[in-house]
Amino acid sequence: MPNLIEVSVMGHLGKDPEVKVSGKGNNYCTFSVAANFRDREGGDVTEWFNVTCFGQSSTYASNYLRKGSAVYISGEMKTREYKRKDGSNGKSLDVVANTVKGVGGKTDANSNGQRQDQPTKTEDGVVDDLPF
């Protein structure tokens, strides 16, 4: 049995989730997540993760997450080999997510990743959803 590497990542979506259909007719969803951290020298580093999810996680991601959405994912790390445009071989580390959760507030499929609990400004700078 191969060794599994479990990972947890918190970051922001780099693009809208893309729904695909497997050869067996099952829906799945792919997207990228950028996670930011500081290295030992204090510099900012961004790591990108390609994420694939299935079932309820796929449905959730495709309905509620958009580019820029803050997200927590956990799952299994997989190595994938591919051919670059120049013909050389490349490798990427991908996450097959078991858990996908939006963090930082409610979003909806039409909000382009914007939190629903924050006021929005109109073009003239006036906040348009004051509670009074």
N, C-alpha and C. Protein backbone atom coordinates (compact mmCIF):
# COMPACT_ATOMS: atom_id res chain seq x y z
N MET A 1 0.84 -1.18 0.00
CA MET A 1 0.00 0.00 0.00
C MET A 1 0.89 1.24 0.00
N PRO A 2 0.62 2.20 -0.90
CA PRO A 2 1.46 3.41 -0.96
C PRO A 2 1.26 4.30 0.25
N ASN A 3 2.30 5.06 0.56
CA ASN A 3 2.20 6.02 1.65
C ASN A 3 1.37 7.21 1.20
N LEU A 4 0.48 7.65 2.05
CA LEU A 4 -0.36 8.80 1.75
C LEU A 4 0.19 10.01 2.49
N ILE A 5 0.15 11.15 1.84
CA ILE A 5 0.57 12.40 2.47
C ILE A 5 -0.68 13.26 2.60
N GLU A 6 -1.12 13.46 3.83
CA GLU A 6 -2.28 14.29 4.11
C GLU A 6 -1.83 15.73 4.25
N VAL A 7 -2.56 16.65 3.61
CA VAL A 7 -2.22 18.07 3.69
C VAL A 7 -3.46 18.89 4.02
N SER A 8 -3.23 20.03 4.63
CA SER A 8 -4.27 21.03 4.86
C SER A 8 -3.73 22.35 4.36
N VAL A 9 -4.55 23.06 3.60
CA VAL A 9 -4.12 24.32 2.99
C VAL A 9 -5.22 25.36 3.20
N MET A 10 -4.83 26.57 3.58
CA MET A 10 -5.75 27.68 3.63
C MET A 10 -5.20 28.76 2.70
N GLY A 11 -6.04 29.22 1.79
CA GLY A 11 -5.59 30.22 0.84
C GLY A 11 -6.76 30.81 0.07
N HIS A 12 -6.47 31.33 -1.13
CA HIS A 12 -7.49 31.96 -1.97
C HIS A 12 -7.49 31.30 -3.34
N LEU A 13 -8.68 31.15 -3.92
CA LEU A 13 -8.80 30.57 -5.24
C LEU A 13 -8.16 31.47 -6.28
N GLY A 14 -7.39 30.86 -7.18
CA GLY A 14 -6.75 31.60 -8.25
C GLY A 14 -7.61 31.72 -9.49
N LYS A 15 -8.64 30.90 -9.57
CA LYS A 15 -9.58 30.94 -10.69
C LYS A 15 -10.89 30.32 -10.24
N ASP A 16 -11.94 30.57 -11.00
CA ASP A 16 -13.23 29.95 -10.68
C ASP A 16 -13.12 28.44 -10.78
N PRO A 17 -13.84 27.71 -9.93
CA PRO A 17 -13.85 26.25 -10.04
C PRO A 17 -14.40 25.82 -11.41
N GLU A 18 -13.82 24.77 -11.95
CA GLU A 18 -14.25 24.25 -13.24
C GLU A 18 -14.82 22.85 -13.04
N VAL A 19 -16.07 22.65 -13.44
CA VAL A 19 -16.72 21.34 -13.30
C VAL A 19 -16.40 20.52 -14.54
N LYS A 20 -16.00 19.27 -14.30
CA LYS A 20 -15.68 18.33 -15.38
C LYS A 20 -16.43 17.04 -15.14
N VAL A 21 -16.44 16.17 -16.16
CA VAL A 21 -17.10 14.88 -16.06
C VAL A 21 -16.07 13.80 -16.31
N SER A 22 -16.02 12.82 -15.40
CA SER A 22 -15.07 11.72 -15.53
C SER A 22 -15.52 10.75 -16.63
N GLY A 23 -14.66 9.82 -16.97
CA GLY A 23 -15.00 8.81 -17.97
C GLY A 23 -16.17 7.95 -17.56
N LYS A 24 -16.43 7.86 -16.26
CA LYS A 24 -17.57 7.09 -15.74
C LYS A 24 -18.82 7.93 -15.59
N GLY A 25 -18.76 9.20 -16.01
CA GLY A 25 -19.93 10.07 -15.96
C GLY A 25 -20.14 10.79 -14.64
N ASN A 26 -19.15 10.76 -13.75
CA ASN A 26 -19.26 11.46 -12.46
C ASN A 26 -18.68 12.86 -12.56
N ASN A 27 -19.36 13.82 -11.94
CA ASN A 27 -18.85 15.19 -11.91
C ASN A 27 -17.72 15.32 -10.90
N TYR A 28 -16.75 16.15 -11.24
CA TYR A 28 -15.72 16.54 -10.31
C TYR A 28 -15.35 17.98 -10.61
N CYS A 29 -14.58 18.58 -9.73
CA CYS A 29 -14.31 20.01 -9.83
C CYS A 29 -12.81 20.24 -9.64
N THR A 30 -12.24 21.16 -10.43
CA THR A 30 -10.84 21.52 -10.27
C THR A 30 -10.71 23.03 -10.09
N PHE A 31 -9.71 23.44 -9.32
CA PHE A 31 -9.39 24.85 -9.14
C PHE A 31 -7.99 24.95 -8.56
N SER A 32 -7.45 26.15 -8.53
CA SER A 32 -6.14 26.37 -7.93
C SER A 32 -6.29 27.23 -6.68
N VAL A 33 -5.41 26.99 -5.71
CA VAL A 33 -5.40 27.74 -4.46
C VAL A 33 -4.00 28.29 -4.22
N ALA A 34 -3.92 29.57 -3.91
CA ALA A 34 -2.65 30.22 -3.55
C ALA A 34 -2.59 30.36 -2.04
N ALA A 35 -1.51 29.86 -1.45
CA ALA A 35 -1.29 29.99 0.00
C ALA A 35 -0.05 30.85 0.20
N ASN A 36 -0.18 31.88 1.02
CA ASN A 36 0.92 32.81 1.28
C ASN A 36 1.52 32.56 2.65
N PHE A 37 2.85 32.67 2.74
CA PHE A 37 3.53 32.54 4.02
C PHE A 37 4.87 33.28 3.94
N ARG A 38 5.53 33.39 5.07
CA ARG A 38 6.84 34.04 5.13
C ARG A 38 7.91 32.96 5.24
N ASP A 39 8.99 33.14 4.47
CA ASP A 39 10.09 32.19 4.57
C ASP A 39 11.00 32.54 5.74
N ARG A 40 12.08 31.79 5.92
CA ARG A 40 12.97 31.98 7.06
C ARG A 40 13.66 33.35 7.06
N GLU A 41 13.82 33.93 5.88
CA GLU A 41 14.46 35.24 5.78
C GLU A 41 13.45 36.38 5.91
N GLY A 42 12.17 36.06 6.10
CA GLY A 42 11.14 37.08 6.26
C GLY A 42 10.51 37.54 4.96
N GLY A 43 10.85 36.87 3.85
CA GLY A 43 10.27 37.24 2.56
C GLY A 43 8.92 36.57 2.35
N ASP A 44 8.08 37.20 1.57
CA ASP A 44 6.77 36.63 1.25
C ASP A 44 6.90 35.59 0.15
N VAL A 45 6.24 34.45 0.35
CA VAL A 45 6.27 33.35 -0.60
C VAL A 45 4.83 32.93 -0.88
N THR A 46 4.53 32.65 -2.14
CA THR A 46 3.22 32.12 -2.51
C THR A 46 3.42 30.74 -3.12
N GLU A 47 2.72 29.76 -2.60
CA GLU A 47 2.72 28.41 -3.16
C GLU A 47 1.36 28.16 -3.79
N TRP A 48 1.35 27.58 -4.98
CA TRP A 48 0.11 27.27 -5.68
C TRP A 48 -0.16 25.78 -5.61
N PHE A 49 -1.42 25.44 -5.37
CA PHE A 49 -1.86 24.05 -5.30
C PHE A 49 -2.98 23.84 -6.32
N ASN A 50 -2.87 22.80 -7.11
CA ASN A 50 -3.97 22.38 -7.98
C ASN A 50 -4.84 21.45 -7.17
N VAL A 51 -6.14 21.71 -7.15
CA VAL A 51 -7.05 20.96 -6.29
C VAL A 51 -8.11 20.27 -7.16
N THR A 52 -8.39 19.02 -6.82
CA THR A 52 -9.48 18.28 -7.44
C THR A 52 -10.37 17.77 -6.31
N CYS A 53 -11.68 17.92 -6.47
CA CYS A 53 -12.60 17.40 -5.46
C CYS A 53 -13.79 16.72 -6.15
N PHE A 54 -14.42 15.83 -5.41
CA PHE A 54 -15.50 15.01 -5.92
C PHE A 54 -16.73 15.11 -5.02
N GLY A 55 -17.86 14.61 -5.47
CA GLY A 55 -19.06 14.50 -4.65
C GLY A 55 -19.56 15.82 -4.11
N GLN A 56 -19.90 15.82 -2.81
CA GLN A 56 -20.45 17.01 -2.18
C GLN A 56 -19.45 18.17 -2.18
N SER A 57 -18.17 17.86 -2.04
CA SER A 57 -17.16 18.92 -2.07
C SER A 57 -17.13 19.60 -3.43
N SER A 58 -17.31 18.82 -4.48
CA SER A 58 -17.34 19.37 -5.84
C SER A 58 -18.57 20.27 -6.02
N THR A 59 -19.71 19.80 -5.56
CA THR A 59 -20.94 20.59 -5.66
C THR A 59 -20.81 21.89 -4.90
N TYR A 60 -20.29 21.82 -3.66
CA TYR A 60 -20.10 23.02 -2.85
C TYR A 60 -19.17 24.01 -3.56
N ALA A 61 -18.02 23.53 -4.02
CA ALA A 61 -17.04 24.42 -4.65
C ALA A 61 -17.62 25.09 -5.89
N SER A 62 -18.31 24.33 -6.72
CA SER A 62 -18.83 24.90 -7.96
C SER A 62 -19.97 25.88 -7.71
N ASN A 63 -20.74 25.69 -6.64
CA ASN A 63 -21.88 26.56 -6.35
C ASN A 63 -21.51 27.80 -5.54
N TYR A 64 -20.51 27.71 -4.66
CA TYR A 64 -20.27 28.78 -3.70
C TYR A 64 -18.90 29.45 -3.74
N LEU A 65 -17.95 28.89 -4.46
CA LEU A 65 -16.62 29.48 -4.48
C LEU A 65 -16.34 30.12 -5.83
N ARG A 66 -15.60 31.21 -5.80
CA ARG A 66 -15.21 31.93 -7.01
C ARG A 66 -13.76 32.41 -6.85
N LYS A 67 -13.18 32.85 -7.92
CA LYS A 67 -11.82 33.39 -7.89
C LYS A 67 -11.72 34.41 -6.75
N GLY A 68 -10.71 34.27 -5.91
CA GLY A 68 -10.50 35.17 -4.79
C GLY A 68 -11.12 34.70 -3.49
N SER A 69 -12.03 33.71 -3.54
CA SER A 69 -12.65 33.21 -2.31
C SER A 69 -11.60 32.62 -1.38
N ALA A 70 -11.72 32.92 -0.08
CA ALA A 70 -10.87 32.29 0.92
C ALA A 70 -11.40 30.90 1.18
N VAL A 71 -10.49 29.92 1.24
CA VAL A 71 -10.92 28.53 1.34
C VAL A 71 -9.95 27.72 2.20
N TYR A 72 -10.50 26.72 2.88
CA TYR A 72 -9.71 25.72 3.59
C TYR A 72 -9.93 24.40 2.88
N ILE A 73 -8.85 23.71 2.55
CA ILE A 73 -8.98 22.39 1.96
C ILE A 73 -8.08 21.42 2.71
N SER A 74 -8.50 20.17 2.76
CA SER A 74 -7.63 19.11 3.27
C SER A 74 -7.85 17.89 2.41
N GLY A 75 -6.81 17.12 2.28
CA GLY A 75 -6.91 15.93 1.46
C GLY A 75 -5.56 15.28 1.26
N GLU A 76 -5.44 14.53 0.19
CA GLU A 76 -4.26 13.73 -0.10
C GLU A 76 -3.41 14.39 -1.18
N MET A 77 -2.12 14.48 -0.94
CA MET A 77 -1.19 15.05 -1.90
C MET A 77 -0.83 13.98 -2.93
N LYS A 78 -0.87 14.34 -4.20
CA LYS A 78 -0.53 13.44 -5.30
C LYS A 78 0.52 14.10 -6.17
N THR A 79 1.45 13.33 -6.71
CA THR A 79 2.41 13.84 -7.67
C THR A 79 1.89 13.52 -9.07
N ARG A 80 1.94 14.52 -9.94
CA ARG A 80 1.48 14.33 -11.32
C ARG A 80 2.61 14.74 -12.25
N GLU A 81 2.87 13.90 -13.23
CA GLU A 81 3.86 14.22 -14.24
C GLU A 81 3.16 14.68 -15.50
N TYR A 82 3.79 15.63 -16.20
CA TYR A 82 3.20 16.16 -17.43
C TYR A 82 4.30 16.62 -18.37
N LYS A 83 3.94 16.84 -19.62
CA LYS A 83 4.87 17.36 -20.62
C LYS A 83 4.66 18.86 -20.76
N ARG A 84 5.74 19.61 -20.68
CA ARG A 84 5.68 21.05 -20.91
C ARG A 84 5.61 21.32 -22.41
N LYS A 85 5.27 22.55 -22.77
CA LYS A 85 5.17 22.92 -24.18
C LYS A 85 6.48 22.71 -24.92
N ASP A 86 7.61 22.88 -24.21
CA ASP A 86 8.90 22.71 -24.86
C ASP A 86 9.33 21.25 -24.96
N GLY A 87 8.47 20.32 -24.50
CA GLY A 87 8.75 18.89 -24.59
C GLY A 87 9.42 18.31 -23.36
N SER A 88 9.87 19.14 -22.44
CA SER A 88 10.51 18.63 -21.23
C SER A 88 9.45 18.11 -20.25
N ASN A 89 9.90 17.28 -19.32
CA ASN A 89 9.00 16.72 -18.32
C ASN A 89 8.85 17.68 -17.14
N GLY A 90 7.65 17.73 -16.58
CA GLY A 90 7.40 18.54 -15.40
C GLY A 90 6.64 17.71 -14.37
N LYS A 91 6.69 18.15 -13.13
CA LYS A 91 5.95 17.51 -12.05
C LYS A 91 5.19 18.57 -11.29
N SER A 92 4.02 18.22 -10.81
CA SER A 92 3.29 19.13 -9.94
C SER A 92 2.75 18.34 -8.76
N LEU A 93 2.57 19.03 -7.66
CA LEU A 93 1.95 18.43 -6.49
C LEU A 93 0.50 18.90 -6.46
N ASP A 94 -0.40 17.96 -6.53
CA ASP A 94 -1.83 18.25 -6.56
C ASP A 94 -2.47 17.74 -5.28
N VAL A 95 -3.59 18.32 -4.93
CA VAL A 95 -4.34 17.88 -3.76
C VAL A 95 -5.68 17.31 -4.22
N VAL A 96 -5.95 16.07 -3.81
CA VAL A 96 -7.28 15.49 -4.00
C VAL A 96 -8.00 15.75 -2.68
N ALA A 97 -8.91 16.73 -2.70
CA ALA A 97 -9.50 17.24 -1.47
C ALA A 97 -10.65 16.37 -0.98
N ASN A 98 -10.61 16.07 0.31
CA ASN A 98 -11.73 15.42 1.00
C ASN A 98 -12.64 16.47 1.62
N THR A 99 -12.04 17.59 2.04
CA THR A 99 -12.77 18.68 2.69
C THR A 99 -12.52 19.98 1.94
N VAL A 100 -13.59 20.70 1.64
CA VAL A 100 -13.50 22.02 1.02
C VAL A 100 -14.48 22.92 1.76
N LYS A 101 -13.95 23.98 2.39
CA LYS A 101 -14.79 24.90 3.15
C LYS A 101 -14.42 26.34 2.83
N GLY A 102 -15.42 27.15 2.54
CA GLY A 102 -15.20 28.58 2.42
C GLY A 102 -14.95 29.16 3.79
N VAL A 103 -14.04 30.11 3.92
CA VAL A 103 -13.76 30.74 5.21
C VAL A 103 -13.87 32.25 5.06
N GLY A 104 -14.16 32.94 6.16
CA GLY A 104 -14.15 34.39 6.15
C GLY A 104 -15.46 35.04 5.80
N GLY A 105 -16.55 34.34 5.79
CA GLY A 105 -17.85 34.96 5.52
C GLY A 105 -18.58 34.26 4.41
N LYS A 106 -19.84 34.56 4.29
CA LYS A 106 -20.68 33.94 3.27
C LYS A 106 -20.33 34.48 1.90
N THR A 107 -20.39 33.60 0.91
CA THR A 107 -20.27 34.01 -0.48
C THR A 107 -21.43 33.38 -1.22
N ASP A 108 -21.70 33.87 -2.40
CA ASP A 108 -22.70 33.20 -3.20
C ASP A 108 -22.23 33.18 -4.64
N ALA A 109 -22.83 32.32 -5.42
CA ALA A 109 -22.35 32.05 -6.77
C ALA A 109 -22.36 33.29 -7.65
N ASN A 110 -23.17 34.29 -7.34
CA ASN A 110 -23.24 35.49 -8.17
C ASN A 110 -22.44 36.66 -7.60
N SER A 111 -21.75 36.45 -6.49
CA SER A 111 -21.06 37.56 -5.84
C SER A 111 -19.61 37.70 -6.26
N ASN A 112 -19.14 36.83 -7.16
CA ASN A 112 -17.75 36.89 -7.62
C ASN A 112 -16.78 36.79 -6.45
N GLY A 113 -17.12 35.98 -5.45
CA GLY A 113 -16.24 35.76 -4.31
C GLY A 113 -16.34 36.82 -3.23
N GLN A 114 -17.16 37.85 -3.40
CA GLN A 114 -17.27 38.92 -2.41
C GLN A 114 -18.10 38.45 -1.23
N ARG A 115 -17.64 38.78 -0.04
CA ARG A 115 -18.37 38.40 1.16
C ARG A 115 -19.72 39.10 1.20
N GLN A 116 -20.73 38.35 1.61
CA GLN A 116 -22.08 38.88 1.67
C GLN A 116 -22.31 39.75 2.90
N ASP A 117 -21.49 39.58 3.95
CA ASP A 117 -21.72 40.32 5.18
C ASP A 117 -20.95 41.64 5.24
N GLN A 118 -20.35 42.05 4.14
CA GLN A 118 -19.65 43.33 4.11
C GLN A 118 -20.43 44.30 3.24
N PRO A 119 -20.51 45.57 3.66
CA PRO A 119 -21.19 46.55 2.82
C PRO A 119 -20.42 46.78 1.53
N THR A 120 -21.13 47.13 0.48
CA THR A 120 -20.49 47.42 -0.79
C THR A 120 -20.68 48.90 -1.11
N LYS A 121 -19.73 49.46 -1.82
CA LYS A 121 -19.80 50.87 -2.19
C LYS A 121 -20.29 51.00 -3.62
N THR A 122 -21.09 52.03 -3.83
CA THR A 122 -21.53 52.34 -5.19
C THR A 122 -20.43 53.12 -5.88
N GLU A 123 -20.62 53.46 -7.15
CA GLU A 123 -19.60 54.17 -7.90
C GLU A 123 -19.24 55.52 -7.27
N ASP A 124 -20.17 56.16 -6.58
CA ASP A 124 -19.87 57.46 -5.97
C ASP A 124 -19.31 57.32 -4.55
N GLY A 125 -18.99 56.06 -4.13
CA GLY A 125 -18.36 55.85 -2.83
C GLY A 125 -19.33 55.72 -1.68
N VAL A 126 -20.63 55.72 -1.92
CA VAL A 126 -21.63 55.62 -0.87
C VAL A 126 -21.89 54.15 -0.56
N VAL A 127 -21.89 53.80 0.71
CA VAL A 127 -22.21 52.44 1.10
C VAL A 127 -23.68 52.20 0.87
N ASP A 128 -24.03 51.12 0.14
CA ASP A 128 -25.42 50.96 -0.28
C ASP A 128 -26.25 49.95 0.52
N ASP A 129 -25.68 49.30 1.52
CA ASP A 129 -26.52 48.36 2.28
C ASP A 129 -26.38 48.59 3.78
N LEU A 130 -26.62 49.82 4.18
CA LEU A 130 -26.58 50.16 5.59
C LEU A 130 -27.78 49.53 6.31
N PRO A 131 -27.61 49.14 7.56
CA PRO A 131 -28.69 48.44 8.26
C PRO A 131 -29.80 49.34 8.78
N PHE A 132 -29.84 50.61 8.45
CA PHE A 132 -30.90 51.51 8.94
C PHE A 132 -31.46 52.34 7.82
